[in-house]
């Protein structure tokens, strides 16, 4: 059985949108409890999809 996601879709979306607007996405990720490495993956994938 898969483990539930640690960070919600809203937090993923905030990081992605912040990056798209050229803002400090590292700061947003930190404030949402998302590690920088995970935030990079979100940005590279270009989406905030969370597997259910």
PDB file of N, CA and C in Angstrom:
ATOM      1  N   UNK A   1       0.845  -1.180   0.000  1.00  0.00           N
ATOM      2  CA  UNK A   1       0.000   0.000   0.000  1.00  0.00           C
ATOM      3  C   UNK A   1       0.892   1.245   0.000  1.00  0.00           C
ATOM      4  N   UNK A   2       0.655   2.171  -0.927  1.00  0.00           N
ATOM      5  CA  UNK A   2       1.507   3.367  -1.002  1.00  0.00           C
ATOM      6  C   UNK A   2       1.296   4.286   0.194  1.00  0.00           C
ATOM      7  N   UNK A   3       2.356   4.997   0.531  1.00  0.00           N
ATOM      8  CA  UNK A   3       2.254   5.958   1.625  1.00  0.00           C
ATOM      9  C   UNK A   3       1.594   7.239   1.119  1.00  0.00           C
ATOM     10  N   UNK A   4       0.844   7.901   1.978  1.00  0.00           N
ATOM     11  CA  UNK A   4       0.203   9.155   1.555  1.00  0.00           C
ATOM     12  C   UNK A   4       1.251  10.244   1.331  1.00  0.00           C
ATOM     13  N   UNK A   5       0.963  11.211   0.464  1.00  0.00           N
ATOM     14  CA  UNK A   5       1.924  12.294   0.207  1.00  0.00           C
ATOM     15  C   UNK A   5       2.158  13.125   1.467  1.00  0.00           C
ATOM     16  N   UNK A   6       3.387  13.573   1.648  1.00  0.00           N
ATOM     17  CA  UNK A   6       3.738  14.365   2.826  1.00  0.00           C
ATOM     18  C   UNK A   6       3.338  15.825   2.673  1.00  0.00           C
ATOM     19  N   UNK A   7       3.283  16.293   1.428  1.00  0.00           N
ATOM     20  CA  UNK A   7       2.974  17.698   1.158  1.00  0.00           C
ATOM     21  C   UNK A   7       1.778  17.744   0.222  1.00  0.00           C
ATOM     22  N   UNK A   8       0.835  18.599   0.543  1.00  0.00           N
ATOM     23  CA  UNK A   8      -0.386  18.682  -0.246  1.00  0.00           C
ATOM     24  C   UNK A   8      -0.201  19.335  -1.601  1.00  0.00           C
ATOM     25  N   UNK A   9      -1.223  19.192  -2.408  1.00  0.00           N
ATOM     26  CA  UNK A   9      -1.182  19.751  -3.761  1.00  0.00           C
ATOM     27  C   UNK A   9      -1.116  21.278  -3.727  1.00  0.00           C
ATOM     28  N   UNK A  10      -1.696  21.884  -2.706  1.00  0.00           N
ATOM     29  CA  UNK A  10      -1.649  23.348  -2.603  1.00  0.00           C
ATOM     30  C   UNK A  10      -0.209  23.828  -2.401  1.00  0.00           C
ATOM     31  N   UNK A  11       0.549  23.126  -1.573  1.00  0.00           N
ATOM     32  CA  UNK A  11       1.947  23.501  -1.343  1.00  0.00           C
ATOM     33  C   UNK A  11       2.767  23.310  -2.612  1.00  0.00           C
ATOM     34  N   UNK A  12       2.526  22.212  -3.330  1.00  0.00           N
ATOM     35  CA  UNK A  12       3.224  21.970  -4.597  1.00  0.00           C
ATOM     36  C   UNK A  12       2.904  23.081  -5.596  1.00  0.00           C
ATOM     37  N   UNK A  13       1.641  23.455  -5.668  1.00  0.00           N
ATOM     38  CA  UNK A  13       1.216  24.490  -6.607  1.00  0.00           C
ATOM     39  C   UNK A  13       1.849  25.835  -6.267  1.00  0.00           C
ATOM     40  N   UNK A  14       1.940  26.156  -4.975  1.00  0.00           N
ATOM     41  CA  UNK A  14       2.564  27.423  -4.567  1.00  0.00           C
ATOM     42  C   UNK A  14       4.018  27.490  -5.021  1.00  0.00           C
ATOM     43  N   UNK A  15       4.752  26.388  -4.849  1.00  0.00           N
ATOM     44  CA  UNK A  15       6.158  26.359  -5.275  1.00  0.00           C
ATOM     45  C   UNK A  15       6.253  26.536  -6.783  1.00  0.00           C
ATOM     46  N   UNK A  16       5.427  25.818  -7.514  1.00  0.00           N
ATOM     47  CA  UNK A  16       5.471  25.867  -8.972  1.00  0.00           C
ATOM     48  C   UNK A  16       5.096  27.251  -9.497  1.00  0.00           C
ATOM     49  N   UNK A  17       4.051  27.835  -8.984  1.00  0.00           N
ATOM     50  CA  UNK A  17       3.625  29.163  -9.428  1.00  0.00           C
ATOM     51  C   UNK A  17       4.667  30.226  -9.081  1.00  0.00           C
ATOM     52  N   UNK A  18       5.266  30.101  -7.912  1.00  0.00           N
ATOM     53  CA  UNK A  18       6.309  31.051  -7.519  1.00  0.00           C
ATOM     54  C   UNK A  18       7.478  30.986  -8.487  1.00  0.00           C
ATOM     55  N   UNK A  19       7.867  29.791  -8.879  1.00  0.00           N
ATOM     56  CA  UNK A  19       8.957  29.624  -9.850  1.00  0.00           C
ATOM     57  C   UNK A  19       8.572  30.222 -11.193  1.00  0.00           C
ATOM     58  N   UNK A  20       7.349  29.984 -11.637  1.00  0.00           N
ATOM     59  CA  UNK A  20       6.892  30.497 -12.939  1.00  0.00           C
ATOM     60  C   UNK A  20       6.904  32.021 -12.986  1.00  0.00           C
ATOM     61  N   UNK A  21       6.638  32.659 -11.844  1.00  0.00           N
ATOM     62  CA  UNK A  21       6.630  34.122 -11.802  1.00  0.00           C
ATOM     63  C   UNK A  21       8.002  34.713 -11.480  1.00  0.00           C
ATOM     64  N   UNK A  22       9.027  33.860 -11.383  1.00  0.00           N
ATOM     65  CA  UNK A  22      10.384  34.331 -11.157  1.00  0.00           C
ATOM     66  C   UNK A  22      10.663  34.782  -9.739  1.00  0.00           C
ATOM     67  N   UNK A  23       9.885  34.304  -8.806  1.00  0.00           N
ATOM     68  CA  UNK A  23      10.073  34.681  -7.398  1.00  0.00           C
ATOM     69  C   UNK A  23      10.966  33.671  -6.677  1.00  0.00           C
ATOM     70  N   UNK A  24      11.140  33.843  -5.390  1.00  0.00           N
ATOM     71  CA  UNK A  24      12.014  32.994  -4.575  1.00  0.00           C
ATOM     72  C   UNK A  24      11.290  31.704  -4.185  1.00  0.00           C
ATOM     73  N   UNK A  25      11.358  30.712  -5.080  1.00  0.00           N
ATOM     74  CA  UNK A  25      10.662  29.446  -4.850  1.00  0.00           C
ATOM     75  C   UNK A  25      11.299  28.639  -3.724  1.00  0.00           C
ATOM     76  N   UNK A  26      12.592  28.854  -3.456  1.00  0.00           N
ATOM     77  CA  UNK A  26      13.254  28.144  -2.357  1.00  0.00           C
ATOM     78  C   UNK A  26      12.648  28.585  -1.025  1.00  0.00           C
ATOM     79  N   UNK A  27      12.408  29.872  -0.887  1.00  0.00           N
ATOM     80  CA  UNK A  27      11.791  30.400   0.327  1.00  0.00           C
ATOM     81  C   UNK A  27      10.384  29.843   0.501  1.00  0.00           C
ATOM     82  N   UNK A  28       9.616  29.810  -0.565  1.00  0.00           N
ATOM     83  CA  UNK A  28       8.249  29.284  -0.510  1.00  0.00           C
ATOM     84  C   UNK A  28       8.267  27.807  -0.132  1.00  0.00           C
ATOM     85  N   UNK A  29       9.172  27.050  -0.735  1.00  0.00           N
ATOM     86  CA  UNK A  29       9.283  25.627  -0.410  1.00  0.00           C
ATOM     87  C   UNK A  29       9.618  25.446   1.067  1.00  0.00           C
ATOM     88  N   UNK A  30      10.562  26.230   1.558  1.00  0.00           N
ATOM     89  CA  UNK A  30      10.964  26.137   2.962  1.00  0.00           C
ATOM     90  C   UNK A  30       9.798  26.445   3.894  1.00  0.00           C
ATOM     91  N   UNK A  31       9.052  27.475   3.600  1.00  0.00           N
ATOM     92  CA  UNK A  31       7.921  27.856   4.446  1.00  0.00           C
ATOM     93  C   UNK A  31       6.780  26.850   4.387  1.00  0.00           C
ATOM     94  N   UNK A  32       6.746  26.038   3.341  1.00  0.00           N
ATOM     95  CA  UNK A  32       5.718  25.007   3.216  1.00  0.00           C
ATOM     96  C   UNK A  32       6.226  23.633   3.651  1.00  0.00           C
ATOM     97  N   UNK A  33       7.446  23.581   4.180  1.00  0.00           N
ATOM     98  CA  UNK A  33       7.991  22.333   4.685  1.00  0.00           C
ATOM     99  C   UNK A  33       8.418  21.353   3.612  1.00  0.00           C
ATOM    100  N   UNK A  34       8.694  21.869   2.418  1.00  0.00           N
ATOM    101  CA  UNK A  34       9.117  21.026   1.303  1.00  0.00           C
ATOM    102  C   UNK A  34      10.630  21.168   1.146  1.00  0.00           C
ATOM    103  N   UNK A  35      11.365  20.041   1.181  1.00  0.00           N
ATOM    104  CA  UNK A  35      12.812  20.124   0.967  1.00  0.00           C
ATOM    105  C   UNK A  35      13.136  20.693  -0.417  1.00  0.00           C
ATOM    106  N   UNK A  36      14.262  21.368  -0.522  1.00  0.00           N
ATOM    107  CA  UNK A  36      14.657  21.995  -1.784  1.00  0.00           C
ATOM    108  C   UNK A  36      14.766  20.949  -2.895  1.00  0.00           C
ATOM    109  N   UNK A  37      15.277  19.767  -2.570  1.00  0.00           N
ATOM    110  CA  UNK A  37      15.406  18.724  -3.594  1.00  0.00           C
ATOM    111  C   UNK A  37      14.047  18.300  -4.125  1.00  0.00           C
ATOM    112  N   UNK A  38      13.059  18.212  -3.254  1.00  0.00           N
ATOM    113  CA  UNK A  38      11.702  17.871  -3.681  1.00  0.00           C
ATOM    114  C   UNK A  38      11.110  18.998  -4.512  1.00  0.00           C
ATOM    115  N   UNK A  39      11.370  20.239  -4.108  1.00  0.00           N
ATOM    116  CA  UNK A  39      10.870  21.390  -4.862  1.00  0.00           C
ATOM    117  C   UNK A  39      11.452  21.413  -6.271  1.00  0.00           C
ATOM    118  N   UNK A  40      12.726  21.042  -6.395  1.00  0.00           N
ATOM    119  CA  UNK A  40      13.343  20.980  -7.729  1.00  0.00           C
ATOM    120  C   UNK A  40      12.640  19.954  -8.602  1.00  0.00           C
ATOM    121  N   UNK A  41      12.281  18.822  -8.024  1.00  0.00           N
ATOM    122  CA  UNK A  41      11.567  17.782  -8.779  1.00  0.00           C
ATOM    123  C   UNK A  41      10.211  18.312  -9.235  1.00  0.00           C
ATOM    124  N   UNK A  42       9.511  19.020  -8.372  1.00  0.00           N
ATOM    125  CA  UNK A  42       8.212  19.607  -8.726  1.00  0.00           C
ATOM    126  C   UNK A  42       8.382  20.540  -9.918  1.00  0.00           C
ATOM    127  N   UNK A  43       9.404  21.373  -9.880  1.00  0.00           N
ATOM    128  CA  UNK A  43       9.647  22.335 -10.955  1.00  0.00           C
ATOM    129  C   UNK A  43      10.052  21.626 -12.243  1.00  0.00           C
ATOM    130  N   UNK A  44      10.921  20.618 -12.129  1.00  0.00           N
ATOM    131  CA  UNK A  44      11.360  19.885 -13.321  1.00  0.00           C
ATOM    132  C   UNK A  44      10.203  19.169 -14.006  1.00  0.00           C
ATOM    133  N   UNK A  45       9.296  18.629 -13.218  1.00  0.00           N
ATOM    134  CA  UNK A  45       8.137  17.935 -13.791  1.00  0.00           C
ATOM    135  C   UNK A  45       7.134  18.920 -14.369  1.00  0.00           C
ATOM    136  N   UNK A  46       7.168  20.143 -13.860  1.00  0.00           N
ATOM    137  CA  UNK A  46       6.281  21.174 -14.378  1.00  0.00           C
ATOM    138  C   UNK A  46       4.842  21.026 -13.941  1.00  0.00           C
ATOM    139  N   UNK A  47       4.628  20.283 -12.888  1.00  0.00           N
ATOM    140  CA  UNK A  47       3.271  20.101 -12.405  1.00  0.00           C
ATOM    141  C   UNK A  47       3.260  19.778 -10.935  1.00  0.00           C
ATOM    142  N   UNK A  48       2.105  19.907 -10.353  1.00  0.00           N
ATOM    143  CA  UNK A  48       1.947  19.638  -8.934  1.00  0.00           C
ATOM    144  C   UNK A  48       1.187  18.340  -8.726  1.00  0.00           C
ATOM    145  N   UNK A  49       1.356  17.401  -9.655  1.00  0.00           N
ATOM    146  CA  UNK A  49       0.630  16.140  -9.561  1.00  0.00           C
ATOM    147  C   UNK A  49       1.093  15.336  -8.356  1.00  0.00           C
ATOM    148  N   UNK A  50       0.120  14.814  -7.649  1.00  0.00           N
ATOM    149  CA  UNK A  50       0.390  13.944  -6.517  1.00  0.00           C
ATOM    150  C   UNK A  50      -0.298  12.621  -6.796  1.00  0.00           C
ATOM    151  N   UNK A  51       0.469  11.535  -6.700  1.00  0.00           N
ATOM    152  CA  UNK A  51      -0.121  10.223  -6.928  1.00  0.00           C
ATOM    153  C   UNK A  51      -0.988   9.856  -5.743  1.00  0.00           C
ATOM    154  N   UNK A  52      -2.157   9.383  -6.016  1.00  0.00           N
ATOM    155  CA  UNK A  52      -3.079   8.984  -4.954  1.00  0.00           C
ATOM    156  C   UNK A  52      -2.941   7.524  -4.638  1.00  0.00           C
TER     157      UNK A  52
END
